[in-house]
Amino acid sequence: MLRDKNLIPLSHQHQHALALCVRLERAAASGQLDLEAWQAEIQQLAEQEIGVHFDAEEKELFPAAARFPEMKPLVRDLLEDHKALRDYFAQVAARTLDHDGLRAFAERLSAHVRKEERQLFEEVQKRMAPEELAKLGAALNKALEAASNACILPSAATRLLPKKSNRPK
């Protein structure tokens, strides 16, 4: 199903989070995992975008979805994900995550985003009337205004560099 235009701002932020997860997973797999640099980048993203994103979902989207009894268990799961992810953000701010913790964070965030996109958004779009979705979209846009419009660029330590070739020159 195509994403309803009223949910697209959240989907765009989900893309940012998924890109972070992919980069982090690739860095971990390649052995290029600078703990300090990654935790600094995650903290910046959490402060500038993810925190506002979670607040908007919890204030606007989740209550709207929970009006449908069959969606309440999913909303509860997503709220638990938010709590667990906030715990990771606290560890990142304290710079206490190790390699395994960063990998677990990326897996949890990626799974959470996919659950929202594939389950929550799809069900909301099926169940809500267009007028309800428009009202929800307006409320989400207002709630997301506090998110930074700044582009968060990876630091040199969190960018993956191409592997050097072993071929003779």
Protein backbone atom coordinates (compact mmCIF):
# COMPACT_ATOMS: atom_id res chain seq x y z
CA MET A 1 0.00 0.00 0.00
CA LEU A 2 1.25 3.48 -0.79
CA ARG A 3 2.01 5.67 2.18
CA ASP A 4 -0.69 8.23 2.90
CA LYS A 5 0.63 11.78 2.53
CA ASN A 6 -0.28 12.52 6.16
CA LEU A 7 2.20 9.91 7.41
CA ILE A 8 5.02 10.79 5.02
CA PRO A 9 6.83 13.17 7.44
CA LEU A 10 7.19 10.29 9.90
CA SER A 11 8.28 7.96 7.09
CA HIS A 12 11.00 10.41 6.04
CA GLN A 13 12.35 10.42 9.59
CA HIS A 14 12.17 6.63 9.58
CA GLN A 15 14.41 6.65 6.51
CA HIS A 16 17.00 8.68 8.44
CA ALA A 17 16.91 6.18 11.30
CA LEU A 18 17.18 3.18 8.95
CA ALA A 19 20.14 4.77 7.14
CA LEU A 20 21.87 5.19 10.50
CA CYS A 21 21.20 1.53 11.31
CA VAL A 22 22.57 0.30 7.98
CA ARG A 23 25.72 2.39 8.34
CA LEU A 24 26.19 1.24 11.93
CA GLU A 25 25.69 -2.44 11.02
CA ARG A 26 28.16 -2.14 8.14
CA ALA A 27 30.72 -0.42 10.35
CA ALA A 28 30.37 -3.13 12.99
CA ALA A 29 30.77 -5.86 10.36
CA SER A 30 33.85 -4.18 8.88
CA GLY A 31 35.53 -3.59 12.22
CA GLN A 32 35.46 0.21 11.68
CA LEU A 33 33.39 0.95 14.79
CA ASP A 34 34.62 4.05 16.62
CA LEU A 35 32.51 3.88 19.79
CA GLU A 36 32.84 7.55 20.72
CA ALA A 37 32.06 8.86 17.25
CA TRP A 38 29.03 6.60 16.79
CA GLN A 39 27.61 7.43 20.20
CA ALA A 40 28.06 11.15 19.52
CA GLU A 41 26.21 10.83 16.20
CA ILE A 42 23.39 8.79 17.73
CA GLN A 43 23.05 11.29 20.57
CA GLN A 44 22.83 14.17 18.11
CA LEU A 45 20.15 12.41 16.05
CA ALA A 46 18.21 11.48 19.20
CA GLU A 47 18.27 15.07 20.45
CA GLN A 48 17.49 16.76 17.13
CA GLU A 49 14.99 14.37 15.57
CA ILE A 50 14.17 11.05 17.23
CA GLY A 51 13.05 12.51 20.56
CA VAL A 52 10.61 14.85 18.83
CA HIS A 53 9.52 12.01 16.54
CA PHE A 54 8.76 9.72 19.52
CA ASP A 55 6.86 12.52 21.29
CA ALA A 56 4.75 13.19 18.19
CA GLU A 57 3.90 9.53 17.82
CA GLU A 58 3.04 9.16 21.49
CA LYS A 59 0.94 12.33 21.60
CA GLU A 60 -0.86 12.05 18.27
CA LEU A 61 -0.45 8.80 16.36
CA PHE A 62 -0.55 6.14 19.06
CA PRO A 63 -3.73 7.45 20.76
CA ALA A 64 -5.43 7.69 17.35
CA ALA A 65 -4.44 4.10 16.55
CA ALA A 66 -5.40 2.81 20.00
CA ARG A 67 -9.00 3.90 19.39
CA PHE A 68 -9.22 0.69 17.37
CA PRO A 69 -9.28 -2.22 19.87
CA GLU A 70 -7.42 -4.57 17.53
CA MET A 71 -4.50 -2.10 17.36
CA LYS A 72 -4.02 -1.69 21.12
CA PRO A 73 -1.52 -4.57 21.48
CA LEU A 74 0.60 -3.15 18.66
CA VAL A 75 0.55 0.33 20.23
CA ARG A 76 1.63 -1.20 23.58
CA ASP A 77 4.53 -2.97 21.82
CA LEU A 78 5.60 0.25 20.12
CA LEU A 79 5.51 2.15 23.42
CA GLU A 80 7.73 -0.55 24.96
CA ASP A 81 10.10 -0.14 22.02
CA HIS A 82 10.24 3.61 22.67
CA LYS A 83 11.11 2.97 26.31
CA ALA A 84 13.86 0.51 25.39
CA LEU A 85 15.24 2.87 22.74
CA ARG A 86 15.23 5.78 25.20
CA ASP A 87 17.27 3.56 27.53
CA TYR A 88 19.77 3.10 24.70
CA PHE A 89 19.84 6.89 24.16
CA ALA A 90 20.64 7.37 27.86
CA GLN A 91 23.51 4.88 27.55
CA VAL A 92 24.74 6.68 24.43
CA ALA A 93 24.66 10.02 26.27
CA ALA A 94 26.70 8.44 29.08
CA ARG A 95 28.99 6.84 26.44
CA THR A 96 28.52 3.41 28.01
CA LEU A 97 27.54 1.31 24.98
CA ASP A 98 30.09 -1.17 23.74
CA HIS A 99 30.27 -2.79 20.29
CA ASP A 100 27.58 -5.35 21.14
CA GLY A 101 25.36 -2.64 22.63
CA LEU A 102 25.62 -0.53 19.46
CA ARG A 103 24.74 -3.55 17.33
CA ALA A 104 21.77 -4.35 19.58
CA PHE A 105 20.65 -0.72 19.38
CA ALA A 106 20.76 -0.76 15.57
CA GLU A 107 18.79 -4.01 15.45
CA ARG A 108 16.16 -2.71 17.88
CA LEU A 109 15.74 0.64 16.12
CA SER A 110 15.54 -1.00 12.70
CA ALA A 111 12.96 -3.56 13.86
CA HIS A 112 10.92 -0.80 15.52
CA VAL A 113 10.86 1.37 12.39
CA ARG A 114 9.86 -1.57 10.23
CA LYS A 115 7.07 -2.49 12.65
CA GLU A 116 5.68 1.03 12.47
CA GLU A 117 5.91 1.18 8.68
CA ARG A 118 4.65 -2.31 7.90
CA GLN A 119 2.08 -2.76 10.64
CA LEU A 120 1.02 0.48 12.31
CA PHE A 121 0.94 2.74 9.27
CA GLU A 122 -0.73 0.12 7.09
CA GLU A 123 -3.47 -0.50 9.67
CA VAL A 124 -4.01 3.21 10.35
CA GLN A 125 -4.41 3.84 6.63
CA LYS A 126 -6.92 1.00 6.30
CA ARG A 127 -9.01 1.98 9.31
CA MET A 128 -9.06 5.79 9.30
CA ALA A 129 -11.27 7.85 7.05
CA PRO A 130 -9.48 10.38 4.82
CA GLU A 131 -10.73 13.27 6.99
CA GLU A 132 -9.34 11.57 10.12
CA LEU A 133 -6.00 11.01 8.42
CA ALA A 134 -5.90 14.66 7.35
CA LYS A 135 -6.59 15.79 10.91
CA LEU A 136 -3.93 13.42 12.22
CA GLY A 137 -1.46 14.67 9.59
CA ALA A 138 -2.01 18.29 10.64
CA ALA A 139 -1.46 17.39 14.29
CA LEU A 140 1.69 15.42 13.44
CA ASN A 141 3.10 18.28 11.37
CA LYS A 142 2.57 20.65 14.29
CA ALA A 143 4.16 18.19 16.73
CA LEU A 144 7.14 17.65 14.42
CA GLU A 145 7.90 21.37 14.04
CA ALA A 146 10.39 21.13 16.88
CA ALA A 147 12.53 18.63 14.97
CA SER A 148 15.71 20.11 13.60
CA ASN A 149 15.80 20.82 9.91
CA ALA A 150 19.56 20.56 10.05
CA CYS A 151 21.19 17.85 8.04
CA ILE A 152 23.15 15.55 10.31
CA LEU A 153 26.22 14.41 8.45
CA PRO A 154 28.30 11.45 9.55
CA SER A 155 31.66 12.29 11.03
CA ALA A 156 34.80 11.03 9.36
CA ALA A 157 34.91 8.24 11.93
CA THR A 158 31.36 7.04 11.17
CA ARG A 159 31.64 7.16 7.38
CA LEU A 160 32.69 3.90 5.87
CA LEU A 161 35.59 4.19 3.53
CA PRO A 162 35.92 1.94 0.50
CA LYS A 163 38.11 -1.09 1.07
CA LYS A 164 41.58 -0.85 -0.35
CA SER A 165 42.22 -3.20 -3.20
CA ASN A 166 44.84 -5.92 -2.78
CA ARG A 167 45.40 -6.01 -6.52
CA PRO A 168 48.89 -5.13 -7.71
CA LYS A 169 49.19 -1.77 -9.41
